[in-house]
Amino acid sequence: MQDHEFDRILSGEGDLVPSSGFASAVMDAVRSEASAPPPIPFPWARALPGIAAGVIALVYLFIEVFRQAGNVTAAPSTLDKAFSSLAPAFREAQMVGAGWILAALALAYFCVKLSLLFARDRA
């Protein structure tokens, strides 16, 4: 084929006609979307007590941490004894890089959950 044949073929514009039933299908979709009920609002009244309890717990935790940091001469608690017995296991896990492994697993988990959330919203 020569250039002038390509030009002749490409210059001829035909009328674009939608397939049969396209306009009615689009209008049916528009009508069904317009008649859909509004989305359900987030129940903030039920979530606020839990959020407030979490904030109060975090504030209490920070206060206790700073209070215990100032009180170094206190007798070791049961929790301190439990952590000291677990120290060799933590050192072993640190040697094999368990922290990085757990971080990678958590990141992969959240990436999959986020992609599933986006995929569910599109469906």
Protein backbone atom coordinates (compact mmCIF):
# COMPACT_ATOMS: atom_id res chain seq x y z
CA MET A 1 0.00 0.00 0.00
CA GLN A 2 1.11 3.48 -0.79
CA ASP A 3 0.88 6.56 1.38
CA HIS A 4 -1.93 8.03 -0.67
CA GLU A 5 -4.00 4.85 -0.15
CA PHE A 6 -3.52 5.11 3.63
CA ASP A 7 -4.52 8.76 3.52
CA ARG A 8 -7.64 7.91 1.54
CA ILE A 9 -8.65 5.15 3.97
CA LEU A 10 -7.97 7.21 7.09
CA SER A 11 -9.59 10.39 5.77
CA GLY A 12 -12.96 8.73 5.17
CA GLU A 13 -14.93 9.23 8.36
CA GLY A 14 -17.97 7.05 8.77
CA ASP A 15 -20.88 7.95 10.97
CA LEU A 16 -20.58 6.50 14.45
CA VAL A 17 -23.83 4.94 15.53
CA PRO A 18 -24.27 3.37 18.96
CA SER A 19 -25.37 -0.22 19.13
CA SER A 20 -29.06 -0.90 19.49
CA GLY A 21 -30.31 -0.47 23.03
CA PHE A 22 -27.24 1.45 24.22
CA ALA A 23 -29.05 4.68 25.01
CA SER A 24 -31.88 2.90 26.80
CA ALA A 25 -29.39 0.83 28.83
CA VAL A 26 -27.54 3.98 29.86
CA MET A 27 -30.76 5.74 30.82
CA ASP A 28 -31.92 2.68 32.82
CA ALA A 29 -28.63 2.73 34.72
CA VAL A 30 -29.00 6.46 35.40
CA ARG A 31 -32.56 6.00 36.66
CA SER A 32 -31.63 3.10 38.93
CA GLU A 33 -28.70 5.07 40.36
CA ALA A 34 -30.93 8.09 40.97
CA SER A 35 -33.55 5.98 42.75
CA ALA A 36 -30.99 4.26 45.02
CA PRO A 37 -31.24 5.18 48.70
CA PRO A 38 -28.53 7.43 50.16
CA PRO A 39 -25.54 5.71 51.78
CA ILE A 40 -25.77 4.78 55.44
CA PRO A 41 -23.92 7.36 57.57
CA PHE A 42 -21.17 6.25 59.94
CA PRO A 43 -22.53 5.71 63.49
CA TRP A 44 -20.36 8.29 65.27
CA ALA A 45 -22.59 8.24 68.34
CA ARG A 46 -21.70 4.59 68.90
CA ALA A 47 -18.02 4.96 68.00
CA LEU A 48 -17.20 7.98 70.16
CA PRO A 49 -17.32 6.17 73.54
CA GLY A 50 -14.83 3.59 72.28
CA ILE A 51 -12.55 6.25 70.84
CA ALA A 52 -12.73 8.22 74.09
CA ALA A 53 -11.91 5.10 76.11
CA GLY A 54 -8.90 4.43 73.88
CA VAL A 55 -7.63 7.98 74.28
CA ILE A 56 -8.06 7.83 78.06
CA ALA A 57 -6.22 4.50 78.17
CA LEU A 58 -3.31 5.90 76.13
CA VAL A 59 -3.07 8.98 78.36
CA TYR A 60 -3.07 6.78 81.45
CA LEU A 61 -0.39 4.57 79.91
CA PHE A 62 1.87 7.55 79.18
CA ILE A 63 1.37 8.92 82.69
CA GLU A 64 2.27 5.55 84.22
CA VAL A 65 5.34 5.16 82.02
CA PHE A 66 6.70 8.56 83.04
CA ARG A 67 5.80 7.97 86.68
CA GLN A 68 7.60 4.62 86.68
CA ALA A 69 10.61 6.17 84.93
CA GLY A 70 10.96 8.63 87.82
CA ASN A 71 10.61 5.85 90.39
CA VAL A 72 13.65 3.72 89.54
CA THR A 73 14.20 2.41 93.08
CA ALA A 74 10.85 0.62 93.19
CA ALA A 75 10.76 -3.13 93.78
CA PRO A 76 10.45 -5.19 90.57
CA SER A 77 6.86 -6.01 89.77
CA THR A 78 5.50 -9.31 88.52
CA LEU A 79 5.46 -7.87 85.01
CA ASP A 80 9.17 -6.98 85.26
CA LYS A 81 9.94 -10.52 86.42
CA ALA A 82 7.97 -11.96 83.48
CA PHE A 83 9.82 -9.74 80.99
CA SER A 84 13.21 -10.64 82.47
CA SER A 85 12.42 -14.35 82.07
CA LEU A 86 11.51 -13.72 78.41
CA ALA A 87 14.66 -11.69 77.70
CA PRO A 88 16.69 -14.64 76.28
CA ALA A 89 13.87 -15.44 73.84
CA PHE A 90 13.71 -11.79 72.75
CA ARG A 91 17.48 -11.72 72.20
CA GLU A 92 17.28 -14.88 70.08
CA ALA A 93 14.43 -13.44 68.02
CA GLN A 94 16.40 -10.24 67.54
CA MET A 95 19.40 -12.22 66.28
CA VAL A 96 17.35 -13.83 63.49
CA GLY A 97 15.65 -10.55 62.59
CA ALA A 98 12.16 -11.39 63.79
CA GLY A 99 11.26 -7.73 64.06
CA TRP A 100 11.89 -7.13 60.36
CA ILE A 101 10.06 -10.33 59.48
CA LEU A 102 7.02 -9.28 61.52
CA ALA A 103 7.15 -5.78 60.01
CA ALA A 104 7.21 -7.25 56.48
CA LEU A 105 4.32 -9.59 57.29
CA ALA A 106 2.29 -6.75 58.79
CA LEU A 107 2.97 -4.53 55.77
CA ALA A 108 1.95 -7.31 53.38
CA TYR A 109 -1.20 -7.98 55.41
CA PHE A 110 -2.26 -4.32 55.38
CA CYS A 111 -1.52 -3.99 51.65
CA VAL A 112 -3.73 -6.99 50.88
CA LYS A 113 -6.50 -5.72 53.17
CA LEU A 114 -6.35 -2.27 51.56
CA SER A 115 -6.48 -3.69 48.03
CA LEU A 116 -9.44 -5.90 48.98
CA LEU A 117 -11.18 -2.86 50.43
CA PHE A 118 -10.67 -0.93 47.19
CA ALA A 119 -11.79 -3.92 45.10
CA ARG A 120 -14.94 -4.36 47.20
CA ASP A 121 -15.80 -0.67 46.76
CA ARG A 122 -15.60 -0.99 42.97
CA ALA A 123 -17.83 -4.08 42.83
